[in-house]
């Protein structure tokens, strides 16, 4: 999993991390070249986190306060993040991890304003990987999608990938001559995967059932 797309309007929680992006990049390239996962490190701490999440569901006032804090950090996103954190794969024995390089890549996308591949930190390092001094710009290659119809979806109450970011893709695809459409839904970020609503399901099926153009 890697961040993708334009992130000109990042969620509120990401903004403080941007201040430390240069230091974060230096630490990764110096000491974590092979990468590392970011997660709650011990079974004891994971058990405490799991117990707190369960207890908050039993105390409505505290649970609502937690949801308010999460919604503020996610720039008003209405997704049920508290329920997502109680899924079975979050438990004392194990939990998902996020790569440190993935976090740095997200910060690079926000900082550069480009939809680009991972920046390895120097012209020489990028040339060794991409044969170019700068990471390739994915949006600059949208013309390759001309033979394909592209359907974009955005959540009007998505604080992680805001509609403004999706509109950047729409404009770039249209400028590249791609057949593209955009539909907005009254959905949050997780509503597209964790709890899709009926109107979203119906729209996706309707697009999948369209006849293929010759």
N, C-alpha and C. Protein backbone atom coordinates (compact mmCIF):
# COMPACT_ATOMS: atom_id res chain seq x y z
N UNK A 1 0.85 -1.19 0.00
CA UNK A 1 0.00 0.00 0.00
C UNK A 1 0.88 1.24 0.00
N UNK A 2 0.56 2.17 -0.89
CA UNK A 2 1.32 3.42 -0.93
C UNK A 2 0.35 4.56 -1.21
N UNK A 3 0.63 5.74 -0.69
CA UNK A 3 -0.27 6.86 -0.98
C UNK A 3 -0.23 7.20 -2.46
N UNK A 4 -1.36 7.60 -2.99
CA UNK A 4 -1.43 7.89 -4.42
C UNK A 4 -2.23 9.16 -4.64
N UNK A 5 -1.89 9.87 -5.70
CA UNK A 5 -2.70 11.00 -6.11
C UNK A 5 -2.20 12.33 -5.60
N UNK A 6 -3.06 13.32 -5.79
CA UNK A 6 -2.77 14.68 -5.34
C UNK A 6 -3.24 14.83 -3.89
N UNK A 7 -2.46 15.54 -3.12
CA UNK A 7 -2.80 15.78 -1.71
C UNK A 7 -2.60 17.26 -1.39
N UNK A 8 -3.19 18.11 -2.23
CA UNK A 8 -3.04 19.54 -2.01
C UNK A 8 -3.81 20.03 -0.79
N UNK A 9 -4.83 19.27 -0.41
CA UNK A 9 -5.59 19.60 0.81
C UNK A 9 -5.50 18.40 1.74
N UNK A 10 -4.43 18.32 2.54
CA UNK A 10 -4.25 17.15 3.41
C UNK A 10 -5.13 17.24 4.65
N UNK A 11 -5.36 16.12 5.33
CA UNK A 11 -6.11 16.15 6.59
C UNK A 11 -5.33 16.90 7.66
N UNK A 12 -6.03 17.37 8.66
CA UNK A 12 -5.41 18.21 9.69
C UNK A 12 -4.27 17.49 10.40
N UNK A 13 -4.39 16.18 10.64
CA UNK A 13 -3.36 15.47 11.40
C UNK A 13 -2.03 15.45 10.66
N UNK A 14 -2.04 15.59 9.34
CA UNK A 14 -0.80 15.51 8.57
C UNK A 14 0.02 16.79 8.61
N UNK A 15 -0.63 17.92 8.88
CA UNK A 15 0.06 19.20 8.78
C UNK A 15 1.24 19.34 9.75
N UNK A 16 1.12 18.94 11.02
CA UNK A 16 2.30 19.04 11.90
C UNK A 16 3.47 18.18 11.44
N UNK A 17 3.17 17.03 10.81
CA UNK A 17 4.24 16.15 10.34
C UNK A 17 5.06 16.80 9.23
N UNK A 18 4.44 17.71 8.48
CA UNK A 18 5.17 18.35 7.39
C UNK A 18 6.36 19.15 7.91
N UNK A 19 6.25 19.69 9.11
CA UNK A 19 7.36 20.47 9.68
C UNK A 19 8.60 19.59 9.88
N UNK A 20 8.36 18.29 10.13
CA UNK A 20 9.48 17.39 10.44
C UNK A 20 9.87 16.52 9.26
N UNK A 21 9.31 16.79 8.08
CA UNK A 21 9.61 15.95 6.91
C UNK A 21 11.11 15.89 6.61
N UNK A 22 11.85 17.02 6.58
CA UNK A 22 13.29 16.92 6.29
C UNK A 22 14.04 16.03 7.29
N UNK A 23 13.74 16.18 8.58
CA UNK A 23 14.39 15.35 9.59
C UNK A 23 13.98 13.88 9.43
N UNK A 24 12.70 13.66 9.19
CA UNK A 24 12.20 12.30 9.01
C UNK A 24 12.88 11.63 7.82
N UNK A 25 13.03 12.38 6.71
CA UNK A 25 13.67 11.84 5.52
C UNK A 25 15.14 11.50 5.81
N UNK A 26 15.82 12.37 6.53
CA UNK A 26 17.24 12.13 6.86
C UNK A 26 17.40 10.88 7.72
N UNK A 27 16.54 10.73 8.71
CA UNK A 27 16.63 9.57 9.60
C UNK A 27 16.38 8.27 8.84
N UNK A 28 15.38 8.28 7.96
CA UNK A 28 15.07 7.06 7.20
C UNK A 28 16.23 6.68 6.29
N UNK A 29 16.76 7.67 5.58
CA UNK A 29 17.83 7.37 4.62
C UNK A 29 19.14 7.00 5.31
N UNK A 30 19.31 7.47 6.52
CA UNK A 30 20.55 7.18 7.23
C UNK A 30 20.49 5.88 8.01
N UNK A 31 19.36 5.64 8.70
CA UNK A 31 19.31 4.52 9.62
C UNK A 31 18.27 3.45 9.25
N UNK A 32 17.32 3.77 8.39
CA UNK A 32 16.23 2.83 8.10
C UNK A 32 16.12 2.58 6.60
N UNK A 33 17.25 2.35 5.97
CA UNK A 33 17.23 2.19 4.51
C UNK A 33 16.38 1.01 4.06
N UNK A 34 16.34 -0.02 4.86
CA UNK A 34 15.54 -1.20 4.51
C UNK A 34 14.09 -1.09 4.97
N UNK A 35 13.77 0.04 5.58
CA UNK A 35 12.39 0.27 5.99
C UNK A 35 12.08 -0.29 7.37
N UNK A 36 11.00 0.16 7.93
CA UNK A 36 10.52 -0.35 9.20
C UNK A 36 9.02 -0.08 9.29
N UNK A 37 8.34 -0.88 10.07
CA UNK A 37 6.91 -0.69 10.25
C UNK A 37 6.61 0.21 11.43
N UNK A 38 5.55 0.98 11.31
CA UNK A 38 5.10 1.86 12.39
C UNK A 38 3.80 1.29 12.95
N UNK A 39 3.83 0.90 14.22
CA UNK A 39 2.68 0.29 14.87
C UNK A 39 2.88 0.34 16.37
N UNK A 40 1.86 -0.02 17.13
CA UNK A 40 1.99 -0.11 18.58
C UNK A 40 2.90 -1.30 18.88
N UNK A 41 4.07 -1.10 19.50
CA UNK A 41 5.15 -2.09 19.43
C UNK A 41 5.03 -3.33 20.30
N UNK A 42 4.33 -3.28 21.42
CA UNK A 42 4.33 -4.44 22.32
C UNK A 42 2.91 -4.95 22.52
N UNK A 43 2.80 -6.23 22.90
CA UNK A 43 1.49 -6.82 23.13
C UNK A 43 0.78 -6.15 24.30
N UNK A 44 1.55 -5.70 25.31
CA UNK A 44 0.95 -5.03 26.45
C UNK A 44 0.27 -3.73 26.03
N UNK A 45 0.98 -2.92 25.23
CA UNK A 45 0.40 -1.66 24.79
C UNK A 45 -0.78 -1.89 23.85
N UNK A 46 -0.70 -2.92 23.01
CA UNK A 46 -1.82 -3.23 22.13
C UNK A 46 -3.03 -3.69 22.94
N UNK A 47 -2.79 -4.43 24.03
CA UNK A 47 -3.90 -4.87 24.88
C UNK A 47 -4.55 -3.66 25.55
N UNK A 48 -3.73 -2.72 26.01
CA UNK A 48 -4.27 -1.50 26.63
C UNK A 48 -5.11 -0.73 25.62
N UNK A 49 -4.60 -0.59 24.39
CA UNK A 49 -5.34 0.14 23.37
C UNK A 49 -6.66 -0.55 23.05
N UNK A 50 -6.62 -1.88 22.92
CA UNK A 50 -7.83 -2.63 22.62
C UNK A 50 -8.86 -2.48 23.74
N UNK A 51 -8.39 -2.54 24.99
CA UNK A 51 -9.30 -2.39 26.14
C UNK A 51 -9.90 -0.99 26.18
N UNK A 52 -9.09 0.03 25.92
CA UNK A 52 -9.61 1.39 25.93
C UNK A 52 -10.67 1.59 24.86
N UNK A 53 -10.42 1.05 23.66
CA UNK A 53 -11.39 1.19 22.58
C UNK A 53 -12.70 0.50 22.95
N UNK A 54 -12.61 -0.68 23.58
CA UNK A 54 -13.83 -1.39 23.98
C UNK A 54 -14.56 -0.64 25.09
N UNK A 55 -13.81 -0.10 26.06
CA UNK A 55 -14.44 0.63 27.16
C UNK A 55 -15.14 1.88 26.67
N UNK A 56 -14.56 2.55 25.69
CA UNK A 56 -15.17 3.78 25.18
C UNK A 56 -16.53 3.53 24.54
N UNK A 57 -16.71 2.32 24.01
CA UNK A 57 -18.01 1.99 23.43
C UNK A 57 -19.06 1.78 24.51
N UNK A 58 -18.61 1.46 25.72
CA UNK A 58 -19.54 1.25 26.84
C UNK A 58 -19.87 2.54 27.56
N UNK A 59 -19.11 3.59 27.29
CA UNK A 59 -19.34 4.89 27.93
C UNK A 59 -19.65 5.91 26.84
N UNK A 60 -20.92 6.16 26.56
CA UNK A 60 -21.32 7.00 25.42
C UNK A 60 -20.65 8.37 25.39
N UNK A 61 -20.55 9.02 26.54
CA UNK A 61 -19.97 10.37 26.55
C UNK A 61 -18.50 10.34 26.14
N UNK A 62 -17.74 9.37 26.70
CA UNK A 62 -16.33 9.27 26.36
C UNK A 62 -16.14 8.83 24.91
N UNK A 63 -17.02 7.93 24.46
CA UNK A 63 -16.95 7.49 23.07
C UNK A 63 -17.22 8.63 22.10
N UNK A 64 -18.20 9.47 22.44
CA UNK A 64 -18.51 10.61 21.57
C UNK A 64 -17.37 11.62 21.57
N UNK A 65 -16.72 11.80 22.72
CA UNK A 65 -15.57 12.70 22.79
C UNK A 65 -14.42 12.17 21.91
N UNK A 66 -14.20 10.85 21.95
CA UNK A 66 -13.16 10.27 21.11
C UNK A 66 -13.49 10.47 19.64
N UNK A 67 -14.73 10.25 19.24
CA UNK A 67 -15.12 10.44 17.85
C UNK A 67 -14.96 11.88 17.41
N UNK A 68 -15.22 12.82 18.32
CA UNK A 68 -15.06 14.23 18.00
C UNK A 68 -13.59 14.57 17.76
N UNK A 69 -12.71 14.02 18.60
CA UNK A 69 -11.27 14.25 18.44
C UNK A 69 -10.79 13.67 17.11
N UNK A 70 -11.22 12.43 16.81
CA UNK A 70 -10.81 11.80 15.55
C UNK A 70 -11.34 12.60 14.37
N UNK A 71 -12.59 13.03 14.44
CA UNK A 71 -13.18 13.79 13.33
C UNK A 71 -12.44 15.10 13.12
N UNK A 72 -12.00 15.74 14.20
CA UNK A 72 -11.24 16.98 14.07
C UNK A 72 -9.88 16.72 13.42
N UNK A 73 -9.20 15.65 13.85
CA UNK A 73 -7.90 15.32 13.27
C UNK A 73 -8.02 14.94 11.80
N UNK A 74 -9.18 14.40 11.41
CA UNK A 74 -9.40 13.98 10.02
C UNK A 74 -10.12 15.04 9.21
N UNK A 75 -10.07 16.28 9.66
CA UNK A 75 -10.66 17.41 8.91
C UNK A 75 -12.15 17.22 8.65
N UNK A 76 -12.86 16.72 9.66
CA UNK A 76 -14.31 16.60 9.54
C UNK A 76 -14.80 15.33 8.91
N UNK A 77 -13.92 14.37 8.66
CA UNK A 77 -14.33 13.10 8.05
C UNK A 77 -15.35 12.40 8.94
N UNK A 78 -16.43 11.88 8.32
CA UNK A 78 -17.52 11.29 9.10
C UNK A 78 -17.40 9.78 9.24
N UNK A 79 -16.32 9.20 8.79
CA UNK A 79 -16.16 7.74 8.86
C UNK A 79 -16.16 7.26 10.32
N UNK A 80 -16.52 6.00 10.50
CA UNK A 80 -16.56 5.40 11.84
C UNK A 80 -15.18 4.82 12.15
N UNK A 81 -14.23 5.71 12.41
CA UNK A 81 -12.86 5.28 12.68
C UNK A 81 -12.77 4.46 13.96
N UNK A 82 -13.61 4.78 14.94
CA UNK A 82 -13.56 4.03 16.19
C UNK A 82 -13.96 2.57 15.98
N UNK A 83 -14.93 2.33 15.11
CA UNK A 83 -15.32 0.95 14.80
C UNK A 83 -14.24 0.25 14.00
N UNK A 84 -13.60 0.98 13.09
CA UNK A 84 -12.54 0.38 12.27
C UNK A 84 -11.38 -0.10 13.15
N UNK A 85 -11.09 0.63 14.22
CA UNK A 85 -9.99 0.26 15.11
C UNK A 85 -10.34 -0.93 16.00
N UNK A 86 -11.58 -1.38 15.95
CA UNK A 86 -11.99 -2.55 16.73
C UNK A 86 -12.15 -3.80 15.87
N UNK A 87 -11.72 -3.72 14.62
CA UNK A 87 -11.77 -4.90 13.78
C UNK A 87 -10.84 -5.99 14.33
N UNK A 88 -11.09 -7.25 13.99
CA UNK A 88 -10.34 -8.36 14.61
C UNK A 88 -8.83 -8.30 14.42
N UNK A 89 -8.35 -7.68 13.34
CA UNK A 89 -6.90 -7.68 13.14
C UNK A 89 -6.19 -6.66 14.03
N UNK A 90 -6.92 -5.87 14.81
CA UNK A 90 -6.32 -5.05 15.86
C UNK A 90 -6.51 -5.79 17.18
N UNK A 91 -5.47 -6.45 17.66
CA UNK A 91 -5.58 -7.25 18.88
C UNK A 91 -4.22 -7.28 19.56
N UNK A 92 -4.16 -7.79 20.80
CA UNK A 92 -2.87 -7.78 21.53
C UNK A 92 -1.77 -8.58 20.84
N UNK A 93 -2.13 -9.58 20.04
CA UNK A 93 -1.10 -10.43 19.42
C UNK A 93 -0.46 -9.76 18.21
N UNK A 94 -1.23 -9.01 17.46
CA UNK A 94 -0.69 -8.41 16.24
C UNK A 94 -1.60 -7.27 15.80
N UNK A 95 -1.08 -6.45 14.90
CA UNK A 95 -1.87 -5.37 14.32
C UNK A 95 -1.20 -4.94 13.02
N UNK A 96 -1.93 -4.27 12.13
CA UNK A 96 -1.32 -3.80 10.89
C UNK A 96 -0.25 -2.74 11.17
N UNK A 97 0.71 -2.67 10.28
CA UNK A 97 1.77 -1.67 10.39
C UNK A 97 1.77 -0.79 9.15
N UNK A 98 2.26 0.41 9.29
CA UNK A 98 2.44 1.33 8.17
C UNK A 98 3.93 1.53 7.96
N UNK A 99 4.38 1.39 6.73
CA UNK A 99 5.80 1.56 6.44
C UNK A 99 6.24 3.01 6.66
N UNK A 100 7.41 3.17 7.24
CA UNK A 100 7.96 4.52 7.42
C UNK A 100 8.17 5.20 6.08
N UNK A 101 8.53 4.43 5.06
CA UNK A 101 8.71 5.01 3.73
C UNK A 101 7.37 5.45 3.14
N UNK A 102 6.29 4.74 3.46
CA UNK A 102 4.97 5.14 2.99
C UNK A 102 4.58 6.49 3.58
N UNK A 103 4.85 6.67 4.87
CA UNK A 103 4.55 7.95 5.51
C UNK A 103 5.36 9.08 4.87
N UNK A 104 6.64 8.82 4.61
CA UNK A 104 7.48 9.83 3.98
C UNK A 104 7.00 10.14 2.57
N UNK A 105 6.57 9.12 1.84
CA UNK A 105 6.05 9.34 0.49
C UNK A 105 4.81 10.24 0.53
N UNK A 106 3.94 10.00 1.49
CA UNK A 106 2.76 10.85 1.64
C UNK A 106 3.16 12.30 1.91
N UNK A 107 4.13 12.50 2.79
CA UNK A 107 4.60 13.85 3.07
C UNK A 107 5.19 14.50 1.81
N UNK A 108 5.89 13.71 1.00
CA UNK A 108 6.46 14.24 -0.25
C UNK A 108 5.36 14.68 -1.20
N UNK A 109 4.29 13.89 -1.32
CA UNK A 109 3.18 14.24 -2.20
C UNK A 109 2.51 15.53 -1.75
N UNK A 110 2.34 15.68 -0.44
CA UNK A 110 1.72 16.90 0.08
C UNK A 110 2.63 18.09 -0.18
N UNK A 111 3.92 17.93 0.09
CA UNK A 111 4.87 19.03 -0.02
C UNK A 111 5.10 19.45 -1.47
N UNK A 112 5.16 18.50 -2.39
CA UNK A 112 5.47 18.82 -3.78
C UNK A 112 4.26 19.27 -4.58
N UNK A 113 3.06 18.83 -4.17
CA UNK A 113 1.87 19.14 -4.95
C UNK A 113 1.78 18.33 -6.22
N UNK A 114 2.67 17.35 -6.41
CA UNK A 114 2.68 16.51 -7.60
C UNK A 114 2.21 15.09 -7.26
N UNK A 115 1.69 14.39 -8.26
CA UNK A 115 1.39 12.98 -8.13
C UNK A 115 2.60 12.25 -8.69
N UNK A 116 3.53 11.90 -7.82
CA UNK A 116 4.82 11.39 -8.24
C UNK A 116 5.18 10.12 -7.48
N UNK A 117 6.17 9.40 -8.02
CA UNK A 117 6.70 8.25 -7.31
C UNK A 117 7.60 8.72 -6.15
N UNK A 118 8.06 7.77 -5.37
CA UNK A 118 8.86 8.07 -4.18
C UNK A 118 10.16 8.78 -4.55
N UNK A 119 10.45 9.86 -3.83
CA UNK A 119 11.69 10.62 -4.04
C UNK A 119 12.77 10.03 -3.13
N UNK A 120 13.84 9.53 -3.73
CA UNK A 120 14.91 8.88 -2.96
C UNK A 120 15.90 9.85 -2.35
N UNK A 121 15.68 11.15 -2.53
CA UNK A 121 16.43 12.13 -1.76
C UNK A 121 17.54 12.86 -2.47
N UNK A 122 17.98 12.38 -3.62
CA UNK A 122 19.04 13.05 -4.37
C UNK A 122 18.90 12.70 -5.84
N UNK A 123 19.48 13.56 -6.68
CA UNK A 123 19.43 13.30 -8.12
C UNK A 123 20.09 11.98 -8.47
N UNK A 124 21.22 11.69 -7.81
CA UNK A 124 21.94 10.44 -8.09
C UNK A 124 21.11 9.22 -7.69
N UNK A 125 20.49 9.28 -6.53
CA UNK A 125 19.68 8.14 -6.07
C UNK A 125 18.46 7.94 -6.97
N UNK A 126 17.84 9.04 -7.39
CA UNK A 126 16.69 8.92 -8.28
C UNK A 126 17.09 8.38 -9.65
N UNK A 127 18.25 8.81 -10.14
CA UNK A 127 18.71 8.30 -11.45
C UNK A 127 18.97 6.79 -11.38
N UNK A 128 19.47 6.33 -10.25
CA UNK A 128 19.75 4.89 -10.10
C UNK A 128 18.48 4.06 -10.18
N UNK A 129 17.36 4.65 -9.78
CA UNK A 129 16.08 3.93 -9.76
C UNK A 129 15.23 4.25 -10.98
N UNK A 130 15.12 5.56 -11.31
CA UNK A 130 14.19 6.00 -12.35
C UNK A 130 14.88 6.44 -13.64
N UNK A 131 16.21 6.51 -13.63
CA UNK A 131 16.95 7.05 -14.77
C UNK A 131 16.56 8.51 -15.04
N UNK A 132 16.26 9.23 -13.98
CA UNK A 132 15.90 10.65 -14.07
C UNK A 132 16.23 11.30 -12.73
N UNK A 133 16.51 12.60 -12.77
CA UNK A 133 16.90 13.30 -11.55
C UNK A 133 15.74 13.47 -10.58
N UNK A 134 14.51 13.53 -11.12
CA UNK A 134 13.32 13.69 -10.27
C UNK A 134 12.43 12.47 -10.42
N UNK A 135 11.63 12.16 -9.42
CA UNK A 135 10.69 11.04 -9.53
C UNK A 135 9.71 11.27 -10.68
N UNK A 136 9.34 10.23 -11.40
CA UNK A 136 8.37 10.39 -12.49
C UNK A 136 7.05 10.95 -12.01
N UNK A 137 6.47 11.82 -12.82
CA UNK A 137 5.17 12.42 -12.55
C UNK A 137 4.10 11.51 -13.16
N UNK A 138 3.30 10.87 -12.32
CA UNK A 138 2.30 9.93 -12.81
C UNK A 138 1.24 10.65 -13.64
N UNK A 139 0.78 11.82 -13.18
CA UNK A 139 -0.27 12.54 -13.89
C UNK A 139 0.19 12.96 -15.28
N UNK A 140 1.49 13.14 -15.47
CA UNK A 140 2.00 13.51 -16.80
C UNK A 140 1.86 12.36 -17.79
N UNK A 141 1.56 11.18 -17.29
CA UNK A 141 1.38 10.01 -18.17
C UNK A 141 -0.08 9.60 -18.30
N UNK A 142 -1.00 10.46 -17.91
CA UNK A 142 -2.41 10.13 -18.00
C UNK A 142 -2.87 9.90 -19.44
N UNK A 143 -2.14 10.44 -20.42
CA UNK A 143 -2.54 10.24 -21.81
C UNK A 143 -2.54 8.76 -22.19
N UNK A 144 -1.81 7.95 -21.44
CA UNK A 144 -1.78 6.51 -21.71
C UNK A 144 -3.12 5.84 -21.41
N UNK A 145 -4.00 6.55 -20.70
CA UNK A 145 -5.31 5.99 -20.34
C UNK A 145 -6.39 6.33 -21.37
N UNK A 146 -6.04 6.98 -22.45
CA UNK A 146 -7.04 7.40 -23.43
C UNK A 146 -7.93 6.27 -23.94
N UNK A 147 -7.41 5.06 -24.13
CA UNK A 147 -8.31 3.99 -24.62
C UNK A 147 -9.32 3.52 -23.58
N UNK A 148 -9.16 3.94 -22.32
CA UNK A 148 -9.98 3.40 -21.23
C UNK A 148 -10.91 4.47 -20.66
N UNK A 149 -12.17 4.12 -20.36
CA UNK A 149 -13.03 5.05 -19.62
C UNK A 149 -12.64 5.05 -18.14
N UNK A 150 -12.60 6.20 -17.53
CA UNK A 150 -12.20 6.33 -16.12
C UNK A 150 -13.34 6.98 -15.35
N UNK A 151 -13.74 6.36 -14.25
CA UNK A 151 -14.81 6.89 -13.39
C UNK A 151 -14.23 7.20 -12.03
N UNK A 152 -14.30 8.46 -11.64
CA UNK A 152 -13.81 8.89 -10.34
C UNK A 152 -14.97 9.05 -9.37
N UNK A 153 -14.70 8.81 -8.09
CA UNK A 153 -15.68 9.03 -7.04
C UNK A 153 -15.04 9.81 -5.91
N UNK A 154 -15.81 10.67 -5.28
CA UNK A 154 -15.31 11.48 -4.18
C UNK A 154 -16.37 11.55 -3.09
N UNK A 155 -15.90 11.66 -1.86
CA UNK A 155 -16.81 11.81 -0.73
C UNK A 155 -16.86 13.25 -0.28
N UNK A 156 -18.04 13.82 -0.27
CA UNK A 156 -18.16 15.23 0.13
C UNK A 156 -17.77 15.44 1.59
N UNK A 157 -17.83 14.38 2.40
CA UNK A 157 -17.46 14.46 3.81
C UNK A 157 -16.24 13.59 4.11
N UNK A 158 -15.39 13.46 3.09
CA UNK A 158 -14.13 12.73 3.23
C UNK A 158 -13.05 13.73 3.60
N UNK A 159 -12.50 13.61 4.80
CA UNK A 159 -11.47 14.54 5.25
C UNK A 159 -10.07 14.08 4.92
N UNK A 160 -9.91 12.83 4.47
CA UNK A 160 -8.58 12.30 4.15
C UNK A 160 -8.23 12.58 2.70
N UNK A 161 -9.13 12.22 1.78
CA UNK A 161 -8.98 12.55 0.36
C UNK A 161 -10.16 13.44 0.01
N UNK A 162 -9.99 14.73 0.12
CA UNK A 162 -11.08 15.66 -0.07
C UNK A 162 -11.48 15.74 -1.55
N UNK A 163 -12.71 16.17 -1.85
CA UNK A 163 -13.12 16.32 -3.25
C UNK A 163 -12.19 17.22 -4.06
N UNK A 164 -11.58 18.22 -3.40
CA UNK A 164 -10.65 19.10 -4.12
C UNK A 164 -9.49 18.31 -4.71
N UNK A 165 -9.00 17.33 -3.96
CA UNK A 165 -7.90 16.50 -4.47
C UNK A 165 -8.35 15.64 -5.66
N UNK A 166 -9.56 15.10 -5.58
CA UNK A 166 -10.08 14.28 -6.68
C UNK A 166 -10.30 15.13 -7.92
N UNK A 167 -10.73 16.38 -7.74
CA UNK A 167 -10.93 17.27 -8.88
C UNK A 167 -9.62 17.55 -9.60
N UNK A 168 -8.50 17.50 -8.89
CA UNK A 168 -7.20 17.66 -9.55
C UNK A 168 -6.98 16.54 -10.57
N UNK A 169 -7.35 15.33 -10.19
CA UNK A 169 -7.26 14.21 -11.12
C UNK A 169 -8.19 14.42 -12.31
N UNK A 170 -9.40 14.88 -12.03
CA UNK A 170 -10.38 15.11 -13.09
C UNK A 170 -9.83 16.08 -14.13
N UNK A 171 -9.28 17.21 -13.68
CA UNK A 171 -8.76 18.21 -14.60
C UNK A 171 -7.56 17.66 -15.37
N UNK A 172 -6.67 16.91 -14.68
CA UNK A 172 -5.49 16.37 -15.35
C UNK A 172 -5.88 15.32 -16.39
N UNK A 173 -6.86 14.50 -16.08
CA UNK A 173 -7.31 13.48 -17.03
C UNK A 173 -7.98 14.11 -18.24
N UNK A 174 -8.81 15.12 -18.01
CA UNK A 174 -9.45 15.81 -19.13
C UNK A 174 -8.42 16.50 -20.01
N UNK A 175 -7.42 17.12 -19.38
CA UNK A 175 -6.37 17.78 -20.16
C UNK A 175 -5.58 16.78 -21.00
N UNK A 176 -5.52 15.53 -20.55
CA UNK A 176 -4.80 14.49 -21.29
C UNK A 176 -5.68 13.81 -22.33
N UNK A 177 -6.94 14.24 -22.44
CA UNK A 177 -7.83 13.67 -23.45
C UNK A 177 -8.46 12.35 -23.06
N UNK A 178 -8.55 12.07 -21.76
CA UNK A 178 -9.12 10.82 -21.28
C UNK A 178 -10.62 10.99 -21.08
N UNK A 179 -11.39 9.94 -21.42
CA UNK A 179 -12.82 9.93 -21.17
C UNK A 179 -13.05 9.68 -19.67
N UNK A 180 -13.47 10.70 -18.94
CA UNK A 180 -13.52 10.60 -17.48
C UNK A 180 -14.81 11.19 -16.95
N UNK A 181 -15.31 10.62 -15.87
CA UNK A 181 -16.49 11.15 -15.18
C UNK A 181 -16.18 11.25 -13.69
N UNK A 182 -16.95 12.07 -12.99
CA UNK A 182 -16.79 12.23 -11.54
C UNK A 182 -18.16 12.25 -10.89
N UNK A 183 -18.30 11.49 -9.82
CA UNK A 183 -19.54 11.47 -9.04
C UNK A 183 -19.18 11.66 -7.58
N UNK A 184 -19.87 12.57 -6.92
CA UNK A 184 -19.64 12.82 -5.50
C UNK A 184 -20.76 12.21 -4.67
N UNK A 185 -20.39 11.69 -3.51
CA UNK A 185 -21.35 11.07 -2.61
C UNK A 185 -21.23 11.71 -1.22
N UNK A 186 -22.30 11.63 -0.45
CA UNK A 186 -22.28 12.13 0.93
C UNK A 186 -21.64 11.06 1.82
N UNK A 187 -20.36 10.83 1.60
CA UNK A 187 -19.66 9.73 2.26
C UNK A 187 -18.36 10.22 2.87
N UNK A 188 -17.90 9.47 3.87
CA UNK A 188 -16.59 9.70 4.44
C UNK A 188 -15.56 8.78 3.79
N UNK A 189 -14.35 8.84 4.30
CA UNK A 189 -13.25 8.10 3.68
C UNK A 189 -13.47 6.59 3.73
N UNK A 190 -13.82 6.07 4.89
CA UNK A 190 -13.98 4.62 5.03
C UNK A 190 -15.28 4.10 4.43
N UNK A 191 -16.21 4.99 4.10
CA UNK A 191 -17.48 4.55 3.55
C UNK A 191 -17.32 3.92 2.17
N UNK A 192 -16.20 4.16 1.51
CA UNK A 192 -15.98 3.56 0.20
C UNK A 192 -15.53 2.10 0.30
N UNK A 193 -15.07 1.68 1.48
CA UNK A 193 -14.58 0.31 1.64
C UNK A 193 -15.17 -0.37 2.87
N UNK A 194 -15.22 0.34 3.98
CA UNK A 194 -15.62 -0.27 5.25
C UNK A 194 -17.14 -0.43 5.35
N UNK A 195 -17.89 0.57 4.93
CA UNK A 195 -19.35 0.50 5.02
C UNK A 195 -19.98 1.25 3.85
N UNK A 196 -19.81 0.74 2.62
CA UNK A 196 -20.37 1.44 1.46
C UNK A 196 -21.91 1.49 1.52
N UNK A 197 -22.45 2.64 1.15
CA UNK A 197 -23.89 2.81 1.16
C UNK A 197 -24.49 2.30 -0.13
N UNK A 198 -25.82 2.15 -0.14
CA UNK A 198 -26.51 1.56 -1.28
C UNK A 198 -26.31 2.38 -2.55
N UNK A 199 -26.36 3.71 -2.44
CA UNK A 199 -26.22 4.52 -3.65
C UNK A 199 -24.84 4.35 -4.27
N UNK A 200 -23.82 4.15 -3.43
CA UNK A 200 -22.47 3.92 -3.94
C UNK A 200 -22.39 2.56 -4.64
N UNK A 201 -22.96 1.54 -4.03
CA UNK A 201 -22.96 0.20 -4.64
C UNK A 201 -23.68 0.22 -5.99
N UNK A 202 -24.85 0.86 -6.02
CA UNK A 202 -25.63 0.91 -7.26
C UNK A 202 -24.87 1.63 -8.36
N UNK A 203 -24.21 2.72 -8.01
CA UNK A 203 -23.45 3.47 -9.02
C UNK A 203 -22.29 2.64 -9.57
N UNK A 204 -21.54 1.98 -8.69
CA UNK A 204 -20.41 1.17 -9.15
C UNK A 204 -20.88 0.05 -10.08
N UNK A 205 -21.96 -0.63 -9.69
CA UNK A 205 -22.48 -1.71 -10.54
C UNK A 205 -22.97 -1.17 -11.87
N UNK A 206 -23.60 0.01 -11.85
CA UNK A 206 -24.08 0.58 -13.11
C UNK A 206 -22.94 0.90 -14.06
N UNK A 207 -21.80 1.34 -13.52
CA UNK A 207 -20.63 1.64 -14.37
C UNK A 207 -19.99 0.35 -14.87
N UNK A 208 -19.97 -0.68 -14.03
CA UNK A 208 -19.37 -1.94 -14.44
C UNK A 208 -20.21 -2.64 -15.51
N UNK A 209 -21.52 -2.39 -15.52
CA UNK A 209 -22.41 -3.05 -16.48
C UNK A 209 -22.51 -2.32 -17.81
N UNK A 210 -21.85 -1.17 -17.92
CA UNK A 210 -21.89 -0.47 -19.20
C UNK A 210 -21.20 -1.31 -20.28
N UNK A 211 -21.74 -1.31 -21.48
CA UNK A 211 -21.12 -2.11 -22.56
C UNK A 211 -19.76 -1.52 -22.92
N UNK A 212 -18.83 -2.36 -23.27
CA UNK A 212 -17.49 -1.93 -23.66
C UNK A 212 -17.56 -1.30 -25.05
N UNK A 213 -16.89 -0.17 -25.18
CA UNK A 213 -16.84 0.47 -26.50
C UNK A 213 -15.90 -0.30 -27.40
N UNK A 214 -16.21 -0.38 -28.69
CA UNK A 214 -15.36 -1.16 -29.60
C UNK A 214 -13.99 -0.55 -29.78
